Amino acid sequence: MNDWISSFVFFFAVIDPVGTLPVFIAVTARHADWQKRRIALMAVVVATGILFFFLLAGQYLLENIGVPLSAFQVAGGAVLFLFALTMIFGEGKPESELEIVQGGHETAIFPLAVPSIASPGAMLAAVVLTDNYRFDFIHQARTATAMLAVLAIVLLILLTAGWIYRWIGSAGASIVSRVMGLILASVATTNVLLGIQQFFSV
């Protein structure tokens, strides 16, 4: 149960469901309600497919190009840490991705599915948390259910976007995004330390 909760928190931090909310609102501003629901469903389905691809085949691809998972874990942890710093000190996820939307890329695929939902951090999490050398099939299945639970929350938030945004406002979404950034920085540091430990223990 503790492993499942840890995986859930990890995915929740890297996917940042609340931070996706302002992006979705901007993308669907000129769409009818039924179109908004369709876009939300499409974005989550596409993101789920991408993350499951990394969950199932990510490690296999890394091994075939000669990259040890420990090196990917260290590199990914460093990238996650830098990303977390931008969430805390720089522009939060809502502001930075709203700029992309305002640039004219208003589709369910971009920037909603990628990189808002299926972010680089989420792809890394899917690979690291299902390491074939560290985790058995049961643990990997639990990780998959934790990821699906977070994606289900994303879908629920997007389907109720109008009501939620009126309740928390853009400032509330920005605050939550920064809190997630702090959690993500801690997780990224842990990944780097574990990757270094694993690399030198082989």
C-alpha atoms as a PDB file:
ATOM      1  CA  MET A   1       0.000   0.000   0.000  1.00  0.00           C
ATOM      2  CA  ASN A   2       2.842   2.392   0.831  1.00  0.00           C
ATOM      3  CA  ASP A   3       4.473   1.642  -2.534  1.00  0.00           C
ATOM      4  CA  TRP A   4       1.190   2.376  -4.309  1.00  0.00           C
ATOM      5  CA  ILE A   5       0.797   5.671  -2.460  1.00  0.00           C
ATOM      6  CA  SER A   6       4.396   6.639  -3.277  1.00  0.00           C
ATOM      7  CA  SER A   7       3.825   5.893  -6.962  1.00  0.00           C
ATOM      8  CA  PHE A   8       0.565   7.820  -6.895  1.00  0.00           C
ATOM      9  CA  VAL A   9       2.205  10.894  -5.330  1.00  0.00           C
ATOM     10  CA  PHE A  10       5.084  10.698  -7.811  1.00  0.00           C
ATOM     11  CA  PHE A  11       2.741  10.593 -10.818  1.00  0.00           C
ATOM     12  CA  PHE A  12       0.496  13.270  -9.328  1.00  0.00           C
ATOM     13  CA  ALA A  13       3.498  15.584  -8.972  1.00  0.00           C
ATOM     14  CA  VAL A  14       4.905  15.064 -12.461  1.00  0.00           C
ATOM     15  CA  ILE A  15       1.561  15.118 -14.266  1.00  0.00           C
ATOM     16  CA  ASP A  16       0.226  18.020 -12.161  1.00  0.00           C
ATOM     17  CA  PRO A  17      -3.525  17.627 -12.873  1.00  0.00           C
ATOM     18  CA  VAL A  18      -4.472  21.005 -11.348  1.00  0.00           C
ATOM     19  CA  GLY A  19      -1.795  22.788 -13.367  1.00  0.00           C
ATOM     20  CA  THR A  20      -3.340  21.398 -16.543  1.00  0.00           C
ATOM     21  CA  LEU A  21      -6.657  23.071 -15.741  1.00  0.00           C
ATOM     22  CA  PRO A  22      -5.910  26.617 -17.012  1.00  0.00           C
ATOM     23  CA  VAL A  23      -4.367  25.162 -20.165  1.00  0.00           C
ATOM     24  CA  PHE A  24      -7.520  23.187 -20.882  1.00  0.00           C
ATOM     25  CA  ILE A  25      -9.734  26.202 -20.264  1.00  0.00           C
ATOM     26  CA  ALA A  26      -7.702  28.286 -22.708  1.00  0.00           C
ATOM     27  CA  VAL A  27      -7.667  25.526 -25.346  1.00  0.00           C
ATOM     28  CA  THR A  28     -11.438  25.033 -25.195  1.00  0.00           C
ATOM     29  CA  ALA A  29     -12.502  28.641 -24.694  1.00  0.00           C
ATOM     30  CA  ARG A  30     -14.372  28.807 -28.025  1.00  0.00           C
ATOM     31  CA  HIS A  31     -15.791  25.288 -27.995  1.00  0.00           C
ATOM     32  CA  ALA A  32     -19.228  24.038 -27.015  1.00  0.00           C
ATOM     33  CA  ASP A  33     -19.653  21.971 -23.852  1.00  0.00           C
ATOM     34  CA  TRP A  34     -19.913  18.672 -25.740  1.00  0.00           C
ATOM     35  CA  GLN A  35     -16.742  19.521 -27.665  1.00  0.00           C
ATOM     36  CA  LYS A  36     -14.922  20.298 -24.415  1.00  0.00           C
ATOM     37  CA  ARG A  37     -15.832  16.874 -23.048  1.00  0.00           C
ATOM     38  CA  ARG A  38     -14.621  15.230 -26.261  1.00  0.00           C
ATOM     39  CA  ILE A  39     -11.321  17.141 -26.191  1.00  0.00           C
ATOM     40  CA  ALA A  40     -10.774  16.217 -22.522  1.00  0.00           C
ATOM     41  CA  LEU A  41     -11.385  12.534 -23.221  1.00  0.00           C
ATOM     42  CA  MET A  42      -9.158  12.543 -26.311  1.00  0.00           C
ATOM     43  CA  ALA A  43      -6.306  14.280 -24.495  1.00  0.00           C
ATOM     44  CA  VAL A  44      -6.366  11.828 -21.579  1.00  0.00           C
ATOM     45  CA  VAL A  45      -6.627   8.795 -23.873  1.00  0.00           C
ATOM     46  CA  VAL A  46      -3.642   9.927 -25.967  1.00  0.00           C
ATOM     47  CA  ALA A  47      -1.586  10.727 -22.846  1.00  0.00           C
ATOM     48  CA  THR A  48      -2.475   7.320 -21.368  1.00  0.00           C
ATOM     49  CA  GLY A  49      -1.301   5.574 -24.527  1.00  0.00           C
ATOM     50  CA  ILE A  50       2.001   7.444 -24.498  1.00  0.00           C
ATOM     51  CA  LEU A  51       2.674   6.734 -20.830  1.00  0.00           C
ATOM     52  CA  PHE A  52       1.773   3.059 -21.193  1.00  0.00           C
ATOM     53  CA  PHE A  53       4.178   2.813 -24.107  1.00  0.00           C
ATOM     54  CA  PHE A  54       6.989   4.085 -21.874  1.00  0.00           C
ATOM     55  CA  LEU A  55       5.813   1.871 -19.029  1.00  0.00           C
ATOM     56  CA  LEU A  56       5.912  -1.258 -21.196  1.00  0.00           C
ATOM     57  CA  ALA A  57       8.730  -0.579 -23.661  1.00  0.00           C
ATOM     58  CA  GLY A  58      10.758   2.309 -22.243  1.00  0.00           C
ATOM     59  CA  GLN A  59      13.372   0.190 -20.499  1.00  0.00           C
ATOM     60  CA  TYR A  60      13.648  -2.138 -23.514  1.00  0.00           C
ATOM     61  CA  LEU A  61      14.400   0.811 -25.788  1.00  0.00           C
ATOM     62  CA  LEU A  62      17.012   2.194 -23.399  1.00  0.00           C
ATOM     63  CA  GLU A  63      18.781  -1.143 -23.150  1.00  0.00           C
ATOM     64  CA  ASN A  64      18.861  -1.543 -26.924  1.00  0.00           C
ATOM     65  CA  ILE A  65      20.576   1.813 -27.391  1.00  0.00           C
ATOM     66  CA  GLY A  66      23.039   1.024 -24.616  1.00  0.00           C
ATOM     67  CA  VAL A  67      21.775   3.430 -21.960  1.00  0.00           C
ATOM     68  CA  PRO A  68      21.615   1.915 -18.448  1.00  0.00           C
ATOM     69  CA  LEU A  69      18.495   2.744 -16.492  1.00  0.00           C
ATOM     70  CA  SER A  70      20.629   4.215 -13.705  1.00  0.00           C
ATOM     71  CA  ALA A  71      22.056   6.782 -16.149  1.00  0.00           C
ATOM     72  CA  PHE A  72      18.576   7.595 -17.428  1.00  0.00           C
ATOM     73  CA  GLN A  73      17.423   7.936 -13.836  1.00  0.00           C
ATOM     74  CA  VAL A  74      20.205  10.392 -12.980  1.00  0.00           C
ATOM     75  CA  ALA A  75      19.685  12.412 -16.170  1.00  0.00           C
ATOM     76  CA  GLY A  76      15.934  12.385 -15.745  1.00  0.00           C
ATOM     77  CA  GLY A  77      16.251  13.361 -12.097  1.00  0.00           C
ATOM     78  CA  ALA A  78      18.421  16.330 -13.046  1.00  0.00           C
ATOM     79  CA  VAL A  79      15.928  17.424 -15.701  1.00  0.00           C
ATOM     80  CA  LEU A  80      13.052  16.963 -13.271  1.00  0.00           C
ATOM     81  CA  PHE A  81      14.875  19.061 -10.686  1.00  0.00           C
ATOM     82  CA  LEU A  82      15.387  21.909 -13.161  1.00  0.00           C
ATOM     83  CA  PHE A  83      11.753  21.632 -14.214  1.00  0.00           C
ATOM     84  CA  ALA A  84      10.704  21.706 -10.556  1.00  0.00           C
ATOM     85  CA  LEU A  85      12.739  24.884 -10.010  1.00  0.00           C
ATOM     86  CA  THR A  86      10.893  26.603 -12.843  1.00  0.00           C
ATOM     87  CA  MET A  87       7.611  25.555 -11.245  1.00  0.00           C
ATOM     88  CA  ILE A  88       8.699  27.026  -7.892  1.00  0.00           C
ATOM     89  CA  PHE A  89      10.635  30.176  -8.825  1.00  0.00           C
ATOM     90  CA  GLY A  90       9.829  30.841 -12.455  1.00  0.00           C
ATOM     91  CA  GLU A  91       6.660  30.636 -14.436  1.00  0.00           C
ATOM     92  CA  GLY A  92       4.397  27.938 -13.155  1.00  0.00           C
ATOM     93  CA  LYS A  93       2.994  25.257 -15.385  1.00  0.00           C
ATOM     94  CA  PRO A  94      -0.262  27.118 -16.054  1.00  0.00           C
ATOM     95  CA  GLU A  95       1.465  30.332 -17.190  1.00  0.00           C
ATOM     96  CA  SER A  96       4.144  28.720 -19.348  1.00  0.00           C
ATOM     97  CA  GLU A  97       1.747  26.408 -21.162  1.00  0.00           C
ATOM     98  CA  LEU A  98      -0.875  29.112 -21.580  1.00  0.00           C
ATOM     99  CA  GLU A  99       1.714  30.979 -23.633  1.00  0.00           C
ATOM    100  CA  ILE A 100       1.926  27.963 -25.943  1.00  0.00           C
ATOM    101  CA  VAL A 101      -1.851  27.896 -26.296  1.00  0.00           C
ATOM    102  CA  GLN A 102      -2.034  31.611 -27.000  1.00  0.00           C
ATOM    103  CA  GLY A 103       0.514  31.049 -29.760  1.00  0.00           C
ATOM    104  CA  GLY A 104      -2.170  29.191 -31.731  1.00  0.00           C
ATOM    105  CA  HIS A 105      -1.569  25.505 -30.913  1.00  0.00           C
ATOM    106  CA  GLU A 106      -5.118  24.756 -29.802  1.00  0.00           C
ATOM    107  CA  THR A 107      -5.558  21.018 -30.129  1.00  0.00           C
ATOM    108  CA  ALA A 108      -6.211  18.140 -27.770  1.00  0.00           C
ATOM    109  CA  ILE A 109      -2.848  16.611 -28.661  1.00  0.00           C
ATOM    110  CA  PHE A 110      -0.670  19.664 -28.081  1.00  0.00           C
ATOM    111  CA  PRO A 111      -0.304  21.091 -25.529  1.00  0.00           C
ATOM    112  CA  LEU A 112      -2.891  19.093 -23.594  1.00  0.00           C
ATOM    113  CA  ALA A 113      -1.864  15.454 -24.121  1.00  0.00           C
ATOM    114  CA  VAL A 114       1.809  16.384 -24.625  1.00  0.00           C
ATOM    115  CA  PRO A 115       3.483  17.973 -22.732  1.00  0.00           C
ATOM    116  CA  SER A 116       0.830  18.962 -20.202  1.00  0.00           C
ATOM    117  CA  ILE A 117      -0.411  15.498 -19.195  1.00  0.00           C
ATOM    118  CA  ALA A 118       2.206  13.121 -20.621  1.00  0.00           C
ATOM    119  CA  SER A 119       5.094  15.323 -19.527  1.00  0.00           C
ATOM    120  CA  PRO A 120       8.765  14.282 -19.776  1.00  0.00           C
ATOM    121  CA  GLY A 121       8.684  13.752 -16.021  1.00  0.00           C
ATOM    122  CA  ALA A 122       5.722  11.405 -16.327  1.00  0.00           C
ATOM    123  CA  MET A 123       7.491   9.426 -19.055  1.00  0.00           C
ATOM    124  CA  LEU A 124      10.531   9.107 -16.813  1.00  0.00           C
ATOM    125  CA  ALA A 125       8.358   8.003 -13.903  1.00  0.00           C
ATOM    126  CA  ALA A 126       6.758   5.291 -16.038  1.00  0.00           C
ATOM    127  CA  VAL A 127      10.203   3.867 -16.847  1.00  0.00           C
ATOM    128  CA  VAL A 128      11.877   4.262 -13.461  1.00  0.00           C
ATOM    129  CA  LEU A 129       8.995   2.928 -11.374  1.00  0.00           C
ATOM    130  CA  THR A 130       8.732  -0.250 -13.481  1.00  0.00           C
ATOM    131  CA  ASP A 131      12.429  -1.162 -13.601  1.00  0.00           C
ATOM    132  CA  ASN A 132      12.507  -4.860 -14.527  1.00  0.00           C
ATOM    133  CA  TYR A 133      15.613  -5.432 -12.397  1.00  0.00           C
ATOM    134  CA  ARG A 134      14.141  -3.902  -9.240  1.00  0.00           C
ATOM    135  CA  PHE A 135      10.417  -4.624  -9.378  1.00  0.00           C
ATOM    136  CA  ASP A 136       8.382  -7.745 -10.076  1.00  0.00           C
ATOM    137  CA  PHE A 137       5.232  -7.919 -12.189  1.00  0.00           C
ATOM    138  CA  ILE A 138       2.902  -7.328  -9.224  1.00  0.00           C
ATOM    139  CA  HIS A 139       4.713  -4.127  -8.260  1.00  0.00           C
ATOM    140  CA  GLN A 140       4.677  -2.969 -11.883  1.00  0.00           C
ATOM    141  CA  ALA A 141       0.953  -3.637 -12.075  1.00  0.00           C
ATOM    142  CA  ARG A 142       0.405  -1.588  -8.914  1.00  0.00           C
ATOM    143  CA  THR A 143       2.428   1.237 -10.460  1.00  0.00           C
ATOM    144  CA  ALA A 144       0.243   1.077 -13.569  1.00  0.00           C
ATOM    145  CA  THR A 145      -2.917   1.335 -11.465  1.00  0.00           C
ATOM    146  CA  ALA A 146      -1.463   4.327  -9.596  1.00  0.00           C
ATOM    147  CA  MET A 147      -0.754   6.020 -12.930  1.00  0.00           C
ATOM    148  CA  LEU A 148      -4.273   5.246 -14.156  1.00  0.00           C
ATOM    149  CA  ALA A 149      -5.712   6.676 -10.931  1.00  0.00           C
ATOM    150  CA  VAL A 150      -3.901   9.979 -11.524  1.00  0.00           C
ATOM    151  CA  LEU A 151      -5.027  10.042 -15.167  1.00  0.00           C
ATOM    152  CA  ALA A 152      -8.594   9.417 -14.006  1.00  0.00           C
ATOM    153  CA  ILE A 153      -8.270  12.450 -11.714  1.00  0.00           C
ATOM    154  CA  VAL A 154      -6.987  14.464 -14.685  1.00  0.00           C
ATOM    155  CA  LEU A 155     -10.045  13.473 -16.715  1.00  0.00           C
ATOM    156  CA  LEU A 156     -12.389  14.308 -13.835  1.00  0.00           C
ATOM    157  CA  ILE A 157     -10.765  17.727 -13.373  1.00  0.00           C
ATOM    158  CA  LEU A 158     -10.964  18.508 -17.088  1.00  0.00           C
ATOM    159  CA  LEU A 159     -14.625  17.456 -17.276  1.00  0.00           C
ATOM    160  CA  THR A 160     -15.433  19.773 -14.354  1.00  0.00           C
ATOM    161  CA  ALA A 161     -12.990  22.484 -15.446  1.00  0.00           C
ATOM    162  CA  GLY A 162     -15.438  25.368 -15.525  1.00  0.00           C
ATOM    163  CA  TRP A 163     -16.667  24.883 -11.960  1.00  0.00           C
ATOM    164  CA  ILE A 164     -13.191  24.193 -10.518  1.00  0.00           C
ATOM    165  CA  TYR A 165     -11.582  27.220 -12.180  1.00  0.00           C
ATOM    166  CA  ARG A 166     -14.307  29.524 -10.860  1.00  0.00           C
ATOM    167  CA  TRP A 167     -13.628  28.136  -7.391  1.00  0.00           C
ATOM    168  CA  ILE A 168      -9.787  28.319  -7.199  1.00  0.00           C
ATOM    169  CA  GLY A 169      -9.026  30.949  -9.857  1.00  0.00           C
ATOM    170  CA  SER A 170      -5.765  31.309 -11.777  1.00  0.00           C
ATOM    171  CA  ALA A 171      -3.904  32.269  -8.567  1.00  0.00           C
ATOM    172  CA  GLY A 172      -5.032  29.064  -6.863  1.00  0.00           C
ATOM    173  CA  ALA A 173      -3.884  26.943  -9.790  1.00  0.00           C
ATOM    174  CA  SER A 174      -0.512  28.691  -9.722  1.00  0.00           C
ATOM    175  CA  ILE A 175      -0.099  28.054  -5.972  1.00  0.00           C
ATOM    176  CA  VAL A 176      -0.898  24.359  -6.337  1.00  0.00           C
ATOM    177  CA  SER A 177       1.539  24.103  -9.236  1.00  0.00           C
ATOM    178  CA  ARG A 178       4.334  25.552  -7.086  1.00  0.00           C
ATOM    179  CA  VAL A 179       3.584  23.172  -4.225  1.00  0.00           C
ATOM    180  CA  MET A 180       3.791  20.292  -6.709  1.00  0.00           C
ATOM    181  CA  GLY A 181       7.106  21.759  -7.860  1.00  0.00           C
ATOM    182  CA  LEU A 182       8.524  21.486  -4.334  1.00  0.00           C
ATOM    183  CA  ILE A 183       7.410  17.864  -4.065  1.00  0.00           C
ATOM    184  CA  LEU A 184       8.830  17.164  -7.505  1.00  0.00           C
ATOM    185  CA  ALA A 185      12.221  18.661  -6.526  1.00  0.00           C
ATOM    186  CA  SER A 186      12.414  16.259  -3.584  1.00  0.00           C
ATOM    187  CA  VAL A 187      11.492  13.306  -5.780  1.00  0.00           C
ATOM    188  CA  ALA A 188      14.037  14.360  -8.421  1.00  0.00           C
ATOM    189  CA  THR A 189      16.822  14.545  -5.826  1.00  0.00           C
ATOM    190  CA  THR A 190      15.926  11.074  -4.602  1.00  0.00           C
ATOM    191  CA  ASN A 191      16.058   9.762  -8.176  1.00  0.00           C
ATOM    192  CA  VAL A 192      19.544  11.188  -8.720  1.00  0.00           C
ATOM    193  CA  LEU A 193      20.853   9.681  -5.483  1.00  0.00           C
ATOM    194  CA  LEU A 194      19.308   6.281  -6.199  1.00  0.00           C
ATOM    195  CA  GLY A 195      20.607   6.322  -9.771  1.00  0.00           C
ATOM    196  CA  ILE A 196      24.158   7.059  -8.599  1.00  0.00           C
ATOM    197  CA  GLN A 197      23.913   4.350  -5.956  1.00  0.00           C
ATOM    198  CA  GLN A 198      22.606   1.810  -8.461  1.00  0.00           C
ATOM    199  CA  PHE A 199      25.259   2.671 -11.054  1.00  0.00           C
ATOM    200  CA  PHE A 200      28.166   2.149  -8.665  1.00  0.00           C
ATOM    201  CA  SER A 201      26.664  -0.945  -7.068  1.00  0.00           C
ATOM    202  CA  VAL A 202      26.601  -2.862 -10.349  1.00  0.00           C
END
